Amino acid sequence: MKTVLSSHQVALSIKRLAHQILENHIQLQDTVLIGLQPRGIFLSDKIVDEIKSIINPSLVSYGKLDITFYRDDIHKQIHHANQTDIPFSIDNKKVVLIDDVLWTGRTIRAALDALLDFGRPKKVELCVLIDRRFSREYPIQADYVGREIDTFPNQKVMVYLNNTVKEECVELWES
């Protein structure tokens, strides 16, 4: 096991990602933030809280998207679906999708499919805490990245946010 981001580094990365989003989307005008269920929600909640501490919270449109039934590996056993909560239109909006780890790109591909059920966005950007650069199966890249890491397929990235067992951190485990 190797620590990729300590608790302090996670906090700094979240703060930086929030600021980068605001730099590109002043006052979030025509921009919505959408966290991906299940694990991206822990990160998106923290980024949204940080953004709300900087600008008027009423300017923040924040939703949560479940992609369970849009995945191409749906044939694997699914224990339960999560809740989608997008209480606003995404038509002609700039959408920032937020997830914890970008690896093969399959989750984001599924998210793009699911997003189209809610409208046609003007633009879609991606924000991730960890980008596992060299295992992409789809031509997808993040616009906002906390940390890029090089991994082997047998390694697993563990993101601990809002965890009661362990302090917030990101670790790399060997399988």
C-alpha atoms as a PDB file:
ATOM      1  CA  MET A   1       0.000   0.000   0.000  1.00  0.00           C
ATOM      2  CA  LYS A   2       1.257   3.460  -0.937  1.00  0.00           C
ATOM      3  CA  THR A   3      -0.319   6.794   0.046  1.00  0.00           C
ATOM      4  CA  VAL A   4      -1.014   8.880  -3.062  1.00  0.00           C
ATOM      5  CA  LEU A   5      -2.656  11.832  -1.272  1.00  0.00           C
ATOM      6  CA  SER A   6      -2.563  12.520   2.456  1.00  0.00           C
ATOM      7  CA  SER A   7      -5.490  14.104   4.271  1.00  0.00           C
ATOM      8  CA  HIS A   8      -3.903  17.546   3.893  1.00  0.00           C
ATOM      9  CA  GLN A   9      -3.252  16.965   0.178  1.00  0.00           C
ATOM     10  CA  VAL A  10      -6.846  15.811  -0.374  1.00  0.00           C
ATOM     11  CA  ALA A  11      -8.130  19.022   1.249  1.00  0.00           C
ATOM     12  CA  LEU A  12      -5.803  21.157  -0.870  1.00  0.00           C
ATOM     13  CA  SER A  13      -6.793  19.312  -4.054  1.00  0.00           C
ATOM     14  CA  ILE A  14     -10.501  19.817  -3.354  1.00  0.00           C
ATOM     15  CA  LYS A  15      -9.933  23.524  -2.730  1.00  0.00           C
ATOM     16  CA  ARG A  16      -7.890  23.822  -5.949  1.00  0.00           C
ATOM     17  CA  LEU A  17     -10.458  21.941  -8.046  1.00  0.00           C
ATOM     18  CA  ALA A  18     -13.250  24.206  -6.749  1.00  0.00           C
ATOM     19  CA  HIS A  19     -11.231  27.297  -7.612  1.00  0.00           C
ATOM     20  CA  GLN A  20     -10.358  25.988 -11.083  1.00  0.00           C
ATOM     21  CA  ILE A  21     -14.031  25.323 -11.833  1.00  0.00           C
ATOM     22  CA  LEU A  22     -14.912  28.858 -10.719  1.00  0.00           C
ATOM     23  CA  GLU A  23     -12.080  30.338 -12.808  1.00  0.00           C
ATOM     24  CA  ASN A  24     -13.591  28.793 -15.933  1.00  0.00           C
ATOM     25  CA  HIS A  25     -17.236  29.320 -14.933  1.00  0.00           C
ATOM     26  CA  ILE A  26     -17.482  32.747 -13.315  1.00  0.00           C
ATOM     27  CA  GLN A  27     -20.362  32.724 -10.794  1.00  0.00           C
ATOM     28  CA  LEU A  28     -21.401  29.386 -12.382  1.00  0.00           C
ATOM     29  CA  GLN A  29     -23.557  31.252 -14.891  1.00  0.00           C
ATOM     30  CA  ASP A  30     -25.278  28.635 -17.103  1.00  0.00           C
ATOM     31  CA  THR A  31     -23.199  25.926 -15.383  1.00  0.00           C
ATOM     32  CA  VAL A  32     -24.415  22.929 -13.391  1.00  0.00           C
ATOM     33  CA  LEU A  33     -22.402  20.509 -11.274  1.00  0.00           C
ATOM     34  CA  ILE A  34     -23.291  16.815 -11.279  1.00  0.00           C
ATOM     35  CA  GLY A  35     -21.697  14.184  -9.038  1.00  0.00           C
ATOM     36  CA  LEU A  36     -21.624  10.572 -10.184  1.00  0.00           C
ATOM     37  CA  GLN A  37     -23.136   7.936  -7.904  1.00  0.00           C
ATOM     38  CA  PRO A  38     -21.930   6.291  -5.821  1.00  0.00           C
ATOM     39  CA  ARG A  39     -18.309   7.248  -5.062  1.00  0.00           C
ATOM     40  CA  GLY A  40     -18.133  10.528  -6.965  1.00  0.00           C
ATOM     41  CA  ILE A  41     -20.736  11.986  -4.606  1.00  0.00           C
ATOM     42  CA  PHE A  42     -18.288  12.150  -1.699  1.00  0.00           C
ATOM     43  CA  LEU A  43     -15.949  14.303  -3.813  1.00  0.00           C
ATOM     44  CA  SER A  44     -18.681  16.383  -5.448  1.00  0.00           C
ATOM     45  CA  ASP A  45     -20.267  17.188  -2.058  1.00  0.00           C
ATOM     46  CA  LYS A  46     -16.923  18.551  -0.856  1.00  0.00           C
ATOM     47  CA  ILE A  47     -16.255  20.546  -4.038  1.00  0.00           C
ATOM     48  CA  VAL A  48     -19.763  22.023  -3.966  1.00  0.00           C
ATOM     49  CA  ASP A  49     -19.369  22.945  -0.277  1.00  0.00           C
ATOM     50  CA  GLU A  50     -16.085  24.685  -1.117  1.00  0.00           C
ATOM     51  CA  ILE A  51     -17.674  26.569  -4.024  1.00  0.00           C
ATOM     52  CA  LYS A  52     -20.608  27.612  -1.806  1.00  0.00           C
ATOM     53  CA  SER A  53     -18.121  29.050   0.679  1.00  0.00           C
ATOM     54  CA  ILE A  54     -16.723  31.277  -2.092  1.00  0.00           C
ATOM     55  CA  ILE A  55     -19.843  32.425  -3.977  1.00  0.00           C
ATOM     56  CA  ASN A  56     -23.519  32.869  -3.180  1.00  0.00           C
ATOM     57  CA  PRO A  57     -24.855  29.318  -2.557  1.00  0.00           C
ATOM     58  CA  SER A  58     -28.067  30.123  -4.464  1.00  0.00           C
ATOM     59  CA  LEU A  59     -25.990  30.342  -7.659  1.00  0.00           C
ATOM     60  CA  VAL A  60     -24.965  26.674  -7.391  1.00  0.00           C
ATOM     61  CA  SER A  61     -27.028  24.087  -9.291  1.00  0.00           C
ATOM     62  CA  TYR A  62     -25.933  20.673  -8.004  1.00  0.00           C
ATOM     63  CA  GLY A  63     -27.284  17.276  -8.955  1.00  0.00           C
ATOM     64  CA  LYS A  64     -26.443  13.604  -8.553  1.00  0.00           C
ATOM     65  CA  LEU A  65     -26.500  11.062 -11.369  1.00  0.00           C
ATOM     66  CA  ASP A  66     -26.784   7.287 -11.083  1.00  0.00           C
ATOM     67  CA  ILE A  67     -25.335   5.457 -14.091  1.00  0.00           C
ATOM     68  CA  THR A  68     -25.954   1.880 -12.933  1.00  0.00           C
ATOM     69  CA  PHE A  69     -28.228   0.872 -15.804  1.00  0.00           C
ATOM     70  CA  TYR A  70     -26.155   2.681 -18.444  1.00  0.00           C
ATOM     71  CA  ARG A  71     -23.003   0.674 -17.813  1.00  0.00           C
ATOM     72  CA  ASP A  72     -21.869  -1.805 -20.436  1.00  0.00           C
ATOM     73  CA  ASP A  73     -21.019  -4.287 -17.669  1.00  0.00           C
ATOM     74  CA  ILE A  74     -24.618  -4.403 -16.402  1.00  0.00           C
ATOM     75  CA  HIS A  75     -24.524  -8.187 -16.736  1.00  0.00           C
ATOM     76  CA  LYS A  76     -22.408  -8.296 -13.566  1.00  0.00           C
ATOM     77  CA  GLN A  77     -24.331  -8.653 -10.338  1.00  0.00           C
ATOM     78  CA  ILE A  78     -25.809  -5.325  -9.253  1.00  0.00           C
ATOM     79  CA  HIS A  79     -26.652  -5.061  -5.587  1.00  0.00           C
ATOM     80  CA  HIS A  80     -28.741  -1.902  -5.837  1.00  0.00           C
ATOM     81  CA  ALA A  81     -29.124   1.234  -7.874  1.00  0.00           C
ATOM     82  CA  ASN A  82     -28.519   4.667  -6.410  1.00  0.00           C
ATOM     83  CA  GLN A  83     -30.723   7.704  -6.634  1.00  0.00           C
ATOM     84  CA  THR A  84     -30.541  10.278  -9.408  1.00  0.00           C
ATOM     85  CA  ASP A  85     -31.417  13.799  -8.334  1.00  0.00           C
ATOM     86  CA  ILE A  86     -31.184  16.444 -11.049  1.00  0.00           C
ATOM     87  CA  PRO A  87     -33.830  19.043 -10.116  1.00  0.00           C
ATOM     88  CA  PHE A  88     -32.999  21.425 -12.978  1.00  0.00           C
ATOM     89  CA  SER A  89     -32.754  21.430 -16.759  1.00  0.00           C
ATOM     90  CA  ILE A  90     -29.385  20.735 -18.346  1.00  0.00           C
ATOM     91  CA  ASP A  91     -30.550  21.913 -21.780  1.00  0.00           C
ATOM     92  CA  ASN A  92     -27.991  24.320 -23.237  1.00  0.00           C
ATOM     93  CA  LYS A  93     -26.066  24.364 -19.921  1.00  0.00           C
ATOM     94  CA  LYS A  94     -22.388  23.745 -19.259  1.00  0.00           C
ATOM     95  CA  VAL A  95     -22.205  20.558 -17.190  1.00  0.00           C
ATOM     96  CA  VAL A  96     -19.274  19.665 -14.943  1.00  0.00           C
ATOM     97  CA  LEU A  97     -19.348  15.940 -14.125  1.00  0.00           C
ATOM     98  CA  ILE A  98     -17.501  15.050 -10.916  1.00  0.00           C
ATOM     99  CA  ASP A  99     -16.116  11.601 -10.084  1.00  0.00           C
ATOM    100  CA  ASP A 100     -13.405  10.280  -7.793  1.00  0.00           C
ATOM    101  CA  VAL A 101     -11.217   8.266 -10.205  1.00  0.00           C
ATOM    102  CA  LEU A 102     -10.868   8.271 -13.993  1.00  0.00           C
ATOM    103  CA  TRP A 103      -9.483   4.956 -15.167  1.00  0.00           C
ATOM    104  CA  THR A 104     -10.793   3.202 -18.297  1.00  0.00           C
ATOM    105  CA  GLY A 105     -13.358   5.868 -19.178  1.00  0.00           C
ATOM    106  CA  ARG A 106     -16.264   3.402 -19.090  1.00  0.00           C
ATOM    107  CA  THR A 107     -17.983   5.151 -16.167  1.00  0.00           C
ATOM    108  CA  ILE A 108     -17.804   8.505 -17.916  1.00  0.00           C
ATOM    109  CA  ARG A 109     -19.088   7.012 -21.180  1.00  0.00           C
ATOM    110  CA  ALA A 110     -22.067   5.649 -19.257  1.00  0.00           C
ATOM    111  CA  ALA A 111     -22.541   9.035 -17.551  1.00  0.00           C
ATOM    112  CA  LEU A 112     -22.653  10.783 -20.928  1.00  0.00           C
ATOM    113  CA  ASP A 113     -25.344   8.338 -22.090  1.00  0.00           C
ATOM    114  CA  ALA A 114     -27.358   8.860 -18.898  1.00  0.00           C
ATOM    115  CA  LEU A 115     -26.983  12.628 -19.099  1.00  0.00           C
ATOM    116  CA  LEU A 116     -28.720  12.712 -22.479  1.00  0.00           C
ATOM    117  CA  ASP A 117     -31.916  11.458 -20.819  1.00  0.00           C
ATOM    118  CA  PHE A 118     -32.026  14.802 -18.984  1.00  0.00           C
ATOM    119  CA  GLY A 119     -31.458  17.072 -21.961  1.00  0.00           C
ATOM    120  CA  ARG A 120     -28.832  18.289 -24.355  1.00  0.00           C
ATOM    121  CA  PRO A 121     -26.026  20.183 -22.622  1.00  0.00           C
ATOM    122  CA  LYS A 122     -24.088  22.920 -24.376  1.00  0.00           C
ATOM    123  CA  LYS A 123     -20.791  21.511 -23.074  1.00  0.00           C
ATOM    124  CA  VAL A 124     -19.653  18.735 -20.724  1.00  0.00           C
ATOM    125  CA  GLU A 125     -16.473  18.880 -18.665  1.00  0.00           C
ATOM    126  CA  LEU A 126     -14.999  16.334 -16.275  1.00  0.00           C
ATOM    127  CA  CYS A 127     -13.508  16.866 -12.819  1.00  0.00           C
ATOM    128  CA  VAL A 128     -11.735  13.986 -11.033  1.00  0.00           C
ATOM    129  CA  LEU A 129      -9.603  13.663  -7.940  1.00  0.00           C
ATOM    130  CA  ILE A 130      -7.387  10.934  -9.458  1.00  0.00           C
ATOM    131  CA  ASP A 131      -6.558  10.325 -13.126  1.00  0.00           C
ATOM    132  CA  ARG A 132      -5.078   6.876 -13.827  1.00  0.00           C
ATOM    133  CA  ARG A 133      -3.563   7.978 -17.118  1.00  0.00           C
ATOM    134  CA  PHE A 134      -2.487   4.859 -18.974  1.00  0.00           C
ATOM    135  CA  SER A 135      -5.445   2.474 -18.873  1.00  0.00           C
ATOM    136  CA  ARG A 136      -7.987   4.321 -21.005  1.00  0.00           C
ATOM    137  CA  GLU A 137     -10.364   2.252 -23.139  1.00  0.00           C
ATOM    138  CA  TYR A 138     -12.277   5.300 -24.397  1.00  0.00           C
ATOM    139  CA  PRO A 139     -10.877   8.639 -25.617  1.00  0.00           C
ATOM    140  CA  ILE A 140     -11.901  10.524 -22.490  1.00  0.00           C
ATOM    141  CA  GLN A 141      -9.813  12.966 -20.499  1.00  0.00           C
ATOM    142  CA  ALA A 142     -10.489  15.127 -17.475  1.00  0.00           C
ATOM    143  CA  ASP A 143     -10.574  18.919 -17.577  1.00  0.00           C
ATOM    144  CA  TYR A 144      -9.871  19.274 -13.847  1.00  0.00           C
ATOM    145  CA  VAL A 145      -7.538  16.809 -12.112  1.00  0.00           C
ATOM    146  CA  GLY A 146      -6.419  16.593  -8.492  1.00  0.00           C
ATOM    147  CA  ARG A 147      -3.518  14.207  -9.195  1.00  0.00           C
ATOM    148  CA  GLU A 148      -2.375  12.141 -12.172  1.00  0.00           C
ATOM    149  CA  ILE A 149      -0.865   8.771 -11.331  1.00  0.00           C
ATOM    150  CA  ASP A 150       0.626   5.944 -13.330  1.00  0.00           C
ATOM    151  CA  THR A 151      -0.708   2.527 -12.365  1.00  0.00           C
ATOM    152  CA  PHE A 152      -0.683  -1.075 -13.485  1.00  0.00           C
ATOM    153  CA  PRO A 153      -3.968  -2.904 -14.183  1.00  0.00           C
ATOM    154  CA  ASN A 154      -3.517  -5.075 -11.072  1.00  0.00           C
ATOM    155  CA  GLN A 155      -3.411  -2.024  -8.798  1.00  0.00           C
ATOM    156  CA  LYS A 156      -6.440  -0.505  -7.126  1.00  0.00           C
ATOM    157  CA  VAL A 157      -6.920   3.144  -6.185  1.00  0.00           C
ATOM    158  CA  MET A 158      -8.754   3.525  -2.887  1.00  0.00           C
ATOM    159  CA  VAL A 159     -10.275   6.949  -2.208  1.00  0.00           C
ATOM    160  CA  TYR A 160     -11.297   7.508   1.402  1.00  0.00           C
ATOM    161  CA  LEU A 161     -13.615  10.517   1.768  1.00  0.00           C
ATOM    162  CA  ASN A 162     -16.258  10.872   4.493  1.00  0.00           C
ATOM    163  CA  ASN A 163     -14.892   7.663   5.953  1.00  0.00           C
ATOM    164  CA  THR A 164     -15.396   6.800   9.620  1.00  0.00           C
ATOM    165  CA  VAL A 165     -12.755   4.055   9.603  1.00  0.00           C
ATOM    166  CA  LYS A 166      -9.817   5.971   8.183  1.00  0.00           C
ATOM    167  CA  GLU A 167      -8.796   9.604   7.756  1.00  0.00           C
ATOM    168  CA  GLU A 168      -9.363  11.080   4.319  1.00  0.00           C
ATOM    169  CA  CYS A 169      -6.674   9.981   1.889  1.00  0.00           C
ATOM    170  CA  VAL A 170      -6.022   8.232  -1.407  1.00  0.00           C
ATOM    171  CA  GLU A 171      -4.052   4.982  -1.438  1.00  0.00           C
ATOM    172  CA  LEU A 172      -2.705   2.667  -4.120  1.00  0.00           C
ATOM    173  CA  TRP A 173      -3.085  -1.045  -3.360  1.00  0.00           C
ATOM    174  CA  GLU A 174      -1.617  -4.104  -5.067  1.00  0.00           C
ATOM    175  CA  SER A 175      -4.163  -6.805  -5.956  1.00  0.00           C
END
